[in-house]
Amino acid sequence: MSDSTVERRAVRRHKVLKGATVSFDDSGVACVVRNLSTSGATLELASSISLPTSFTLEIKADQFIRRCRRVWSRDKRIGVAFS
């Protein structure tokens, strides 16, 4: 981490590359989880789409399901905090 980078997360995230699904309003969107912690994650979508403020993240391979809220978004990447 450079001197100009300030880590604002309370919990350290671990780099991962896991296929997942974001679900809301009876629909689902495929995504890739890029990093993960007990309190949140960074997701990458195939395209820039507008997601609701809160939704469900599911990583089927890990039997991982969490309700989350969008904290930030840039292009195809979204930072989420788990509820």
PDB file of N, CA and C in Angstrom:
ATOM      1  N   MET A   1       0.845  -1.165   0.000  1.00  0.00           N
ATOM      2  CA  MET A   1       0.000   0.000   0.000  1.00  0.00           C
ATOM      3  C   MET A   1       0.892   1.230   0.000  1.00  0.00           C
ATOM      4  N   SER A   2       0.620   2.200  -0.826  1.00  0.00           N
ATOM      5  CA  SER A   2       1.435   3.409  -0.888  1.00  0.00           C
ATOM      6  C   SER A   2       1.029   4.373   0.218  1.00  0.00           C
ATOM      7  N   ASP A   3       1.858   5.374   0.432  1.00  0.00           N
ATOM      8  CA  ASP A   3       1.575   6.372   1.459  1.00  0.00           C
ATOM      9  C   ASP A   3       0.291   7.137   1.175  1.00  0.00           C
ATOM     10  N   SER A   4      -0.080   7.276  -0.097  1.00  0.00           N
ATOM     11  CA  SER A   4      -1.272   8.035  -0.448  1.00  0.00           C
ATOM     12  C   SER A   4      -2.555   7.211  -0.353  1.00  0.00           C
ATOM     13  N   THR A   5      -2.429   5.905  -0.165  1.00  0.00           N
ATOM     14  CA  THR A   5      -3.601   5.047  -0.057  1.00  0.00           C
ATOM     15  C   THR A   5      -3.981   4.896   1.413  1.00  0.00           C
ATOM     16  N   VAL A   6      -5.227   5.201   1.720  1.00  0.00           N
ATOM     17  CA  VAL A   6      -5.704   5.092   3.090  1.00  0.00           C
ATOM     18  C   VAL A   6      -6.728   3.967   3.158  1.00  0.00           C
ATOM     19  N   GLU A   7      -6.470   2.995   3.990  1.00  0.00           N
ATOM     20  CA  GLU A   7      -7.392   1.874   4.176  1.00  0.00           C
ATOM     21  C   GLU A   7      -8.481   2.306   5.150  1.00  0.00           C
ATOM     22  N   ARG A   8      -9.735   2.307   4.691  1.00  0.00           N
ATOM     23  CA  ARG A   8     -10.842   2.745   5.530  1.00  0.00           C
ATOM     24  C   ARG A   8     -11.689   1.588   6.040  1.00  0.00           C
ATOM     25  N   ARG A   9     -11.399   0.385   5.633  1.00  0.00           N
ATOM     26  CA  ARG A   9     -12.192  -0.758   6.075  1.00  0.00           C
ATOM     27  C   ARG A   9     -11.811  -1.148   7.497  1.00  0.00           C
ATOM     28  N   ALA A  10     -12.825  -1.542   8.275  1.00  0.00           N
ATOM     29  CA  ALA A  10     -12.581  -1.981   9.648  1.00  0.00           C
ATOM     30  C   ALA A  10     -12.002  -3.389   9.679  1.00  0.00           C
ATOM     31  N   VAL A  11     -12.331  -4.204   8.661  1.00  0.00           N
ATOM     32  CA  VAL A  11     -11.892  -5.593   8.590  1.00  0.00           C
ATOM     33  C   VAL A  11     -11.144  -5.808   7.277  1.00  0.00           C
ATOM     34  N   ARG A  12      -9.986  -6.445   7.335  1.00  0.00           N
ATOM     35  CA  ARG A  12      -9.187  -6.706   6.139  1.00  0.00           C
ATOM     36  C   ARG A  12      -9.915  -7.658   5.190  1.00  0.00           C
ATOM     37  N   ARG A  13      -9.893  -7.352   3.897  1.00  0.00           N
ATOM     38  CA  ARG A  13     -10.503  -8.218   2.889  1.00  0.00           C
ATOM     39  C   ARG A  13      -9.439  -9.092   2.247  1.00  0.00           C
ATOM     40  N   HIS A  14      -9.847 -10.277   1.824  1.00  0.00           N
ATOM     41  CA  HIS A  14      -8.949 -11.230   1.184  1.00  0.00           C
ATOM     42  C   HIS A  14      -9.300 -11.326  -0.293  1.00  0.00           C
ATOM     43  N   LYS A  15      -8.260 -11.323  -1.141  1.00  0.00           N
ATOM     44  CA  LYS A  15      -8.486 -11.455  -2.582  1.00  0.00           C
ATOM     45  C   LYS A  15      -9.045 -12.837  -2.884  1.00  0.00           C
ATOM     46  N   VAL A  16     -10.102 -12.868  -3.702  1.00  0.00           N
ATOM     47  CA  VAL A  16     -10.719 -14.112  -4.143  1.00  0.00           C
ATOM     48  C   VAL A  16     -11.154 -13.925  -5.591  1.00  0.00           C
ATOM     49  N   LEU A  17     -11.553 -14.982  -6.205  1.00  0.00           N
ATOM     50  CA  LEU A  17     -12.102 -14.945  -7.558  1.00  0.00           C
ATOM     51  C   LEU A  17     -13.195 -16.008  -7.603  1.00  0.00           C
ATOM     52  N   LYS A  18     -14.400 -15.624  -7.198  1.00  0.00           N
ATOM     53  CA  LYS A  18     -15.494 -16.583  -7.058  1.00  0.00           C
ATOM     54  C   LYS A  18     -16.709 -16.112  -7.841  1.00  0.00           C
ATOM     55  N   GLY A  19     -17.293 -17.030  -8.577  1.00  0.00           N
ATOM     56  CA  GLY A  19     -18.538 -16.739  -9.270  1.00  0.00           C
ATOM     57  C   GLY A  19     -19.674 -16.628  -8.273  1.00  0.00           C
ATOM     58  N   ALA A  20     -20.563 -15.662  -8.498  1.00  0.00           N
ATOM     59  CA  ALA A  20     -21.665 -15.435  -7.566  1.00  0.00           C
ATOM     60  C   ALA A  20     -22.866 -14.878  -8.323  1.00  0.00           C
ATOM     61  N   THR A  21     -23.957 -14.700  -7.591  1.00  0.00           N
ATOM     62  CA  THR A  21     -25.173 -14.119  -8.148  1.00  0.00           C
ATOM     63  C   THR A  21     -25.685 -13.038  -7.213  1.00  0.00           C
ATOM     64  N   VAL A  22     -26.071 -11.916  -7.794  1.00  0.00           N
ATOM     65  CA  VAL A  22     -26.731 -10.838  -7.068  1.00  0.00           C
ATOM     66  C   VAL A  22     -28.214 -10.968  -7.381  1.00  0.00           C
ATOM     67  N   SER A  23     -29.058 -11.073  -6.344  1.00  0.00           N
ATOM     68  CA  SER A  23     -30.493 -11.264  -6.547  1.00  0.00           C
ATOM     69  C   SER A  23     -31.287 -10.112  -5.959  1.00  0.00           C
ATOM     70  N   PHE A  24     -32.312  -9.689  -6.714  1.00  0.00           N
ATOM     71  CA  PHE A  24     -33.219  -8.626  -6.276  1.00  0.00           C
ATOM     72  C   PHE A  24     -34.456  -8.666  -7.159  1.00  0.00           C
ATOM     73  N   ASP A  25     -35.588  -8.311  -6.616  1.00  0.00           N
ATOM     74  CA  ASP A  25     -36.845  -8.227  -7.373  1.00  0.00           C
ATOM     75  C   ASP A  25     -37.094  -9.459  -8.247  1.00  0.00           C
ATOM     76  N   ASP A  26     -36.921 -10.643  -7.701  1.00  0.00           N
ATOM     77  CA  ASP A  26     -37.156 -11.902  -8.421  1.00  0.00           C
ATOM     78  C   ASP A  26     -36.290 -12.066  -9.669  1.00  0.00           C
ATOM     79  N   SER A  27     -35.122 -11.431  -9.710  1.00  0.00           N
ATOM     80  CA  SER A  27     -34.194 -11.629 -10.826  1.00  0.00           C
ATOM     81  C   SER A  27     -32.789 -11.775 -10.266  1.00  0.00           C
ATOM     82  N   GLY A  28     -31.891 -12.266 -11.103  1.00  0.00           N
ATOM     83  CA  GLY A  28     -30.512 -12.465 -10.673  1.00  0.00           C
ATOM     84  C   GLY A  28     -29.531 -12.015 -11.741  1.00  0.00           C
ATOM     85  N   VAL A  29     -28.370 -11.533 -11.290  1.00  0.00           N
ATOM     86  CA  VAL A  29     -27.322 -11.070 -12.183  1.00  0.00           C
ATOM     87  C   VAL A  29     -26.032 -11.758 -11.770  1.00  0.00           C
ATOM     88  N   ALA A  30     -25.346 -12.368 -12.731  1.00  0.00           N
ATOM     89  CA  ALA A  30     -24.072 -13.023 -12.436  1.00  0.00           C
ATOM     90  C   ALA A  30     -23.008 -11.970 -12.156  1.00  0.00           C
ATOM     91  N   CYS A  31     -22.089 -12.316 -11.259  1.00  0.00           N
ATOM     92  CA  CYS A  31     -20.984 -11.422 -10.939  1.00  0.00           C
ATOM     93  C   CYS A  31     -19.796 -12.251 -10.470  1.00  0.00           C
ATOM     94  N   VAL A  32     -18.683 -11.584 -10.252  1.00  0.00           N
ATOM     95  CA  VAL A  32     -17.485 -12.213  -9.702  1.00  0.00           C
ATOM     96  C   VAL A  32     -17.132 -11.471  -8.424  1.00  0.00           C
ATOM     97  N   VAL A  33     -16.905 -12.222  -7.351  1.00  0.00           N
ATOM     98  CA  VAL A  33     -16.460 -11.629  -6.095  1.00  0.00           C
ATOM     99  C   VAL A  33     -14.948 -11.497  -6.188  1.00  0.00           C
ATOM    100  N   ARG A  34     -14.436 -10.269  -6.054  1.00  0.00           N
ATOM    101  CA  ARG A  34     -13.006  -9.988  -6.195  1.00  0.00           C
ATOM    102  C   ARG A  34     -12.275  -9.979  -4.864  1.00  0.00           C
ATOM    103  N   ASN A  35     -12.949  -9.519  -3.809  1.00  0.00           N
ATOM    104  CA  ASN A  35     -12.384  -9.619  -2.469  1.00  0.00           C
ATOM    105  C   ASN A  35     -13.521  -9.764  -1.479  1.00  0.00           C
ATOM    106  N   LEU A  36     -13.188 -10.301  -0.310  1.00  0.00           N
ATOM    107  CA  LEU A  36     -14.231 -10.714   0.623  1.00  0.00           C
ATOM    108  C   LEU A  36     -13.711 -10.620   2.052  1.00  0.00           C
ATOM    109  N   SER A  37     -14.576 -10.181   2.950  1.00  0.00           N
ATOM    110  CA  SER A  37     -14.273 -10.184   4.384  1.00  0.00           C
ATOM    111  C   SER A  37     -15.553 -10.564   5.119  1.00  0.00           C
ATOM    112  N   THR A  38     -15.503 -10.561   6.422  1.00  0.00           N
ATOM    113  CA  THR A  38     -16.700 -10.872   7.198  1.00  0.00           C
ATOM    114  C   THR A  38     -17.717  -9.740   7.135  1.00  0.00           C
ATOM    115  N   SER A  39     -17.268  -8.542   6.729  1.00  0.00           N
ATOM    116  CA  SER A  39     -18.189  -7.409   6.716  1.00  0.00           C
ATOM    117  C   SER A  39     -18.579  -6.894   5.332  1.00  0.00           C
ATOM    118  N   GLY A  40     -17.899  -7.359   4.253  1.00  0.00           N
ATOM    119  CA  GLY A  40     -18.240  -6.862   2.934  1.00  0.00           C
ATOM    120  C   GLY A  40     -17.437  -7.497   1.825  1.00  0.00           C
ATOM    121  N   ALA A  41     -17.619  -6.963   0.602  1.00  0.00           N
ATOM    122  CA  ALA A  41     -16.958  -7.537  -0.573  1.00  0.00           C
ATOM    123  C   ALA A  41     -16.904  -6.507  -1.695  1.00  0.00           C
ATOM    124  N   THR A  42     -16.066  -6.812  -2.687  1.00  0.00           N
ATOM    125  CA  THR A  42     -16.070  -6.073  -3.944  1.00  0.00           C
ATOM    126  C   THR A  42     -16.541  -7.023  -5.023  1.00  0.00           C
ATOM    127  N   LEU A  43     -17.535  -6.592  -5.785  1.00  0.00           N
ATOM    128  CA  LEU A  43     -18.121  -7.405  -6.847  1.00  0.00           C
ATOM    129  C   LEU A  43     -17.806  -6.781  -8.196  1.00  0.00           C
ATOM    130  N   GLU A  44     -17.656  -7.637  -9.208  1.00  0.00           N
ATOM    131  CA  GLU A  44     -17.478  -7.151 -10.575  1.00  0.00           C
ATOM    132  C   GLU A  44     -18.580  -7.753 -11.428  1.00  0.00           C
ATOM    133  N   LEU A  45     -19.306  -6.882 -12.124  1.00  0.00           N
ATOM    134  CA  LEU A  45     -20.396  -7.303 -13.001  1.00  0.00           C
ATOM    135  C   LEU A  45     -19.903  -7.329 -14.442  1.00  0.00           C
ATOM    136  N   ALA A  46     -20.611  -8.053 -15.303  1.00  0.00           N
ATOM    137  CA  ALA A  46     -20.220  -8.144 -16.712  1.00  0.00           C
ATOM    138  C   ALA A  46     -20.382  -6.807 -17.427  1.00  0.00           C
ATOM    139  N   SER A  47     -21.335  -5.992 -16.970  1.00  0.00           N
ATOM    140  CA  SER A  47     -21.549  -4.678 -17.568  1.00  0.00           C
ATOM    141  C   SER A  47     -21.996  -3.707 -16.483  1.00  0.00           C
ATOM    142  N   SER A  48     -21.948  -2.442 -16.791  1.00  0.00           N
ATOM    143  CA  SER A  48     -22.380  -1.428 -15.834  1.00  0.00           C
ATOM    144  C   SER A  48     -23.907  -1.405 -15.803  1.00  0.00           C
ATOM    145  N   ILE A  49     -24.477  -1.916 -14.732  1.00  0.00           N
ATOM    146  CA  ILE A  49     -25.924  -1.878 -14.580  1.00  0.00           C
ATOM    147  C   ILE A  49     -26.254  -1.216 -13.251  1.00  0.00           C
ATOM    148  N   SER A  50     -27.452  -0.734 -13.159  1.00  0.00           N
ATOM    149  CA  SER A  50     -27.891  -0.092 -11.933  1.00  0.00           C
ATOM    150  C   SER A  50     -28.510  -1.143 -11.015  1.00  0.00           C
ATOM    151  N   LEU A  51     -27.946  -1.277  -9.831  1.00  0.00           N
ATOM    152  CA  LEU A  51     -28.476  -2.213  -8.843  1.00  0.00           C
ATOM    153  C   LEU A  51     -29.225  -1.434  -7.772  1.00  0.00           C
ATOM    154  N   PRO A  52     -30.188  -2.072  -7.124  1.00  0.00           N
ATOM    155  CA  PRO A  52     -30.862  -1.399  -6.015  1.00  0.00           C
ATOM    156  C   PRO A  52     -29.887  -1.181  -4.853  1.00  0.00           C
ATOM    157  N   THR A  53     -30.289  -0.397  -3.886  1.00  0.00           N
ATOM    158  CA  THR A  53     -29.441  -0.101  -2.738  1.00  0.00           C
ATOM    159  C   THR A  53     -29.117  -1.351  -1.939  1.00  0.00           C
ATOM    160  N   SER A  54     -30.078  -2.266  -1.804  1.00  0.00           N
ATOM    161  CA  SER A  54     -29.817  -3.519  -1.087  1.00  0.00           C
ATOM    162  C   SER A  54     -30.272  -4.710  -1.926  1.00  0.00           C
ATOM    163  N   PHE A  55     -29.577  -5.835  -1.737  1.00  0.00           N
ATOM    164  CA  PHE A  55     -29.837  -7.043  -2.509  1.00  0.00           C
ATOM    165  C   PHE A  55     -29.198  -8.224  -1.796  1.00  0.00           C
ATOM    166  N   THR A  56     -29.326  -9.413  -2.383  1.00  0.00           N
ATOM    167  CA  THR A  56     -28.745 -10.627  -1.813  1.00  0.00           C
ATOM    168  C   THR A  56     -27.584 -11.096  -2.672  1.00  0.00           C
ATOM    169  N   LEU A  57     -26.478 -11.467  -2.027  1.00  0.00           N
ATOM    170  CA  LEU A  57     -25.315 -12.024  -2.707  1.00  0.00           C
ATOM    171  C   LEU A  57     -25.239 -13.505  -2.370  1.00  0.00           C
ATOM    172  N   GLU A  58     -25.100 -14.349  -3.400  1.00  0.00           N
ATOM    173  CA  GLU A  58     -24.992 -15.787  -3.178  1.00  0.00           C
ATOM    174  C   GLU A  58     -23.785 -16.352  -3.916  1.00  0.00           C
ATOM    175  N   ILE A  59     -22.913 -17.035  -3.165  1.00  0.00           N
ATOM    176  CA  ILE A  59     -21.797 -17.787  -3.738  1.00  0.00           C
ATOM    177  C   ILE A  59     -22.161 -19.256  -3.533  1.00  0.00           C
ATOM    178  N   LYS A  60     -22.746 -19.877  -4.544  1.00  0.00           N
ATOM    179  CA  LYS A  60     -23.268 -21.240  -4.405  1.00  0.00           C
ATOM    180  C   LYS A  60     -22.205 -22.248  -4.011  1.00  0.00           C
ATOM    181  N   ALA A  61     -21.019 -22.148  -4.577  1.00  0.00           N
ATOM    182  CA  ALA A  61     -19.949 -23.121  -4.297  1.00  0.00           C
ATOM    183  C   ALA A  61     -19.594 -23.160  -2.815  1.00  0.00           C
ATOM    184  N   ASP A  62     -19.770 -22.053  -2.119  1.00  0.00           N
ATOM    185  CA  ASP A  62     -19.427 -21.971  -0.695  1.00  0.00           C
ATOM    186  C   ASP A  62     -20.661 -22.013   0.211  1.00  0.00           C
ATOM    187  N   GLN A  63     -21.845 -22.167  -0.378  1.00  0.00           N
ATOM    188  CA  GLN A  63     -23.107 -22.100   0.365  1.00  0.00           C
ATOM    189  C   GLN A  63     -23.156 -20.812   1.191  1.00  0.00           C
ATOM    190  N   PHE A  64     -22.812 -19.707   0.550  1.00  0.00           N
ATOM    191  CA  PHE A  64     -22.693 -18.402   1.167  1.00  0.00           C
ATOM    192  C   PHE A  64     -23.820 -17.507   0.664  1.00  0.00           C
ATOM    193  N   ILE A  65     -24.675 -17.047   1.551  1.00  0.00           N
ATOM    194  CA  ILE A  65     -25.762 -16.138   1.194  1.00  0.00           C
ATOM    195  C   ILE A  65     -25.772 -15.008   2.209  1.00  0.00           C
ATOM    196  N   ARG A  66     -25.691 -13.775   1.718  1.00  0.00           N
ATOM    197  CA  ARG A  66     -25.701 -12.616   2.600  1.00  0.00           C
ATOM    198  C   ARG A  66     -26.560 -11.501   2.008  1.00  0.00           C
ATOM    199  N   ARG A  67     -27.294 -10.844   2.842  1.00  0.00           N
ATOM    200  CA  ARG A  67     -28.000  -9.629   2.461  1.00  0.00           C
ATOM    201  C   ARG A  67     -26.967  -8.517   2.524  1.00  0.00           C
ATOM    202  N   CYS A  68     -26.939  -7.646   1.530  1.00  0.00           N
ATOM    203  CA  CYS A  68     -25.938  -6.593   1.531  1.00  0.00           C
ATOM    204  C   CYS A  68     -26.497  -5.287   0.989  1.00  0.00           C
ATOM    205  N   ARG A  69     -25.746  -4.232   1.232  1.00  0.00           N
ATOM    206  CA  ARG A  69     -26.108  -2.908   0.719  1.00  0.00           C
ATOM    207  C   ARG A  69     -24.928  -2.340  -0.050  1.00  0.00           C
ATOM    208  N   ARG A  70     -25.247  -1.629  -1.108  1.00  0.00           N
ATOM    209  CA  ARG A  70     -24.226  -1.011  -1.955  1.00  0.00           C
ATOM    210  C   ARG A  70     -23.608   0.164  -1.204  1.00  0.00           C
ATOM    211  N   VAL A  71     -22.277   0.205  -1.144  1.00  0.00           N
ATOM    212  CA  VAL A  71     -21.567   1.295  -0.477  1.00  0.00           C
ATOM    213  C   VAL A  71     -20.959   2.236  -1.514  1.00  0.00           C
ATOM    214  N   TRP A  72     -20.411   1.680  -2.591  1.00  0.00           N
ATOM    215  CA  TRP A  72     -19.841   2.477  -3.662  1.00  0.00           C
ATOM    216  C   TRP A  72     -19.937   1.704  -4.969  1.00  0.00           C
ATOM    217  N   SER A  73     -19.806   2.410  -6.090  1.00  0.00           N
ATOM    218  CA  SER A  73     -19.760   1.755  -7.399  1.00  0.00           C
ATOM    219  C   SER A  73     -18.922   2.604  -8.341  1.00  0.00           C
ATOM    220  N   ARG A  74     -18.163   1.915  -9.192  1.00  0.00           N
ATOM    221  CA  ARG A  74     -17.308   2.529 -10.204  1.00  0.00           C
ATOM    222  C   ARG A  74     -17.297   1.601 -11.405  1.00  0.00           C
ATOM    223  N   ASP A  75     -17.806   2.094 -12.521  1.00  0.00           N
ATOM    224  CA  ASP A  75     -17.888   1.292 -13.748  1.00  0.00           C
ATOM    225  C   ASP A  75     -18.601  -0.025 -13.451  1.00  0.00           C
ATOM    226  N   LYS A  76     -17.880  -1.144 -13.564  1.00  0.00           N
ATOM    227  CA  LYS A  76     -18.491  -2.470 -13.367  1.00  0.00           C
ATOM    228  C   LYS A  76     -18.231  -3.026 -11.968  1.00  0.00           C
ATOM    229  N   ARG A  77     -17.573  -2.283 -11.110  1.00  0.00           N
ATOM    230  CA  ARG A  77     -17.254  -2.763  -9.751  1.00  0.00           C
ATOM    231  C   ARG A  77     -18.148  -2.103  -8.716  1.00  0.00           C
ATOM    232  N   ILE A  78     -18.510  -2.899  -7.714  1.00  0.00           N
ATOM    233  CA  ILE A  78     -19.400  -2.435  -6.650  1.00  0.00           C
ATOM    234  C   ILE A  78     -18.853  -2.894  -5.320  1.00  0.00           C
ATOM    235  N   GLY A  79     -18.778  -1.998  -4.366  1.00  0.00           N
ATOM    236  CA  GLY A  79     -18.397  -2.350  -3.008  1.00  0.00           C
ATOM    237  C   GLY A  79     -19.656  -2.518  -2.178  1.00  0.00           C
ATOM    238  N   VAL A  80     -19.739  -3.602  -1.427  1.00  0.00           N
ATOM    239  CA  VAL A  80     -20.931  -3.864  -0.616  1.00  0.00           C
ATOM    240  C   VAL A  80     -20.547  -4.118   0.835  1.00  0.00           C
ATOM    241  N   ALA A  81     -21.463  -3.801   1.722  1.00  0.00           N
ATOM    242  CA  ALA A  81     -21.339  -4.124   3.139  1.00  0.00           C
ATOM    243  C   ALA A  81     -22.445  -5.109   3.462  1.00  0.00           C
ATOM    244  N   PHE A  82     -22.127  -6.128   4.249  1.00  0.00           N
ATOM    245  CA  PHE A  82     -23.127  -7.119   4.613  1.00  0.00           C
ATOM    246  C   PHE A  82     -24.006  -6.589   5.731  1.00  0.00           C
ATOM    247  N   SER A  83     -25.293  -6.874   5.638  1.00  0.00           N
ATOM    248  CA  SER A  83     -26.262  -6.427   6.649  1.00  0.00           C
ATOM    249  C   SER A  83     -26.311  -7.385   7.805  1.00  0.00           C
TER     250      SER A  83
END
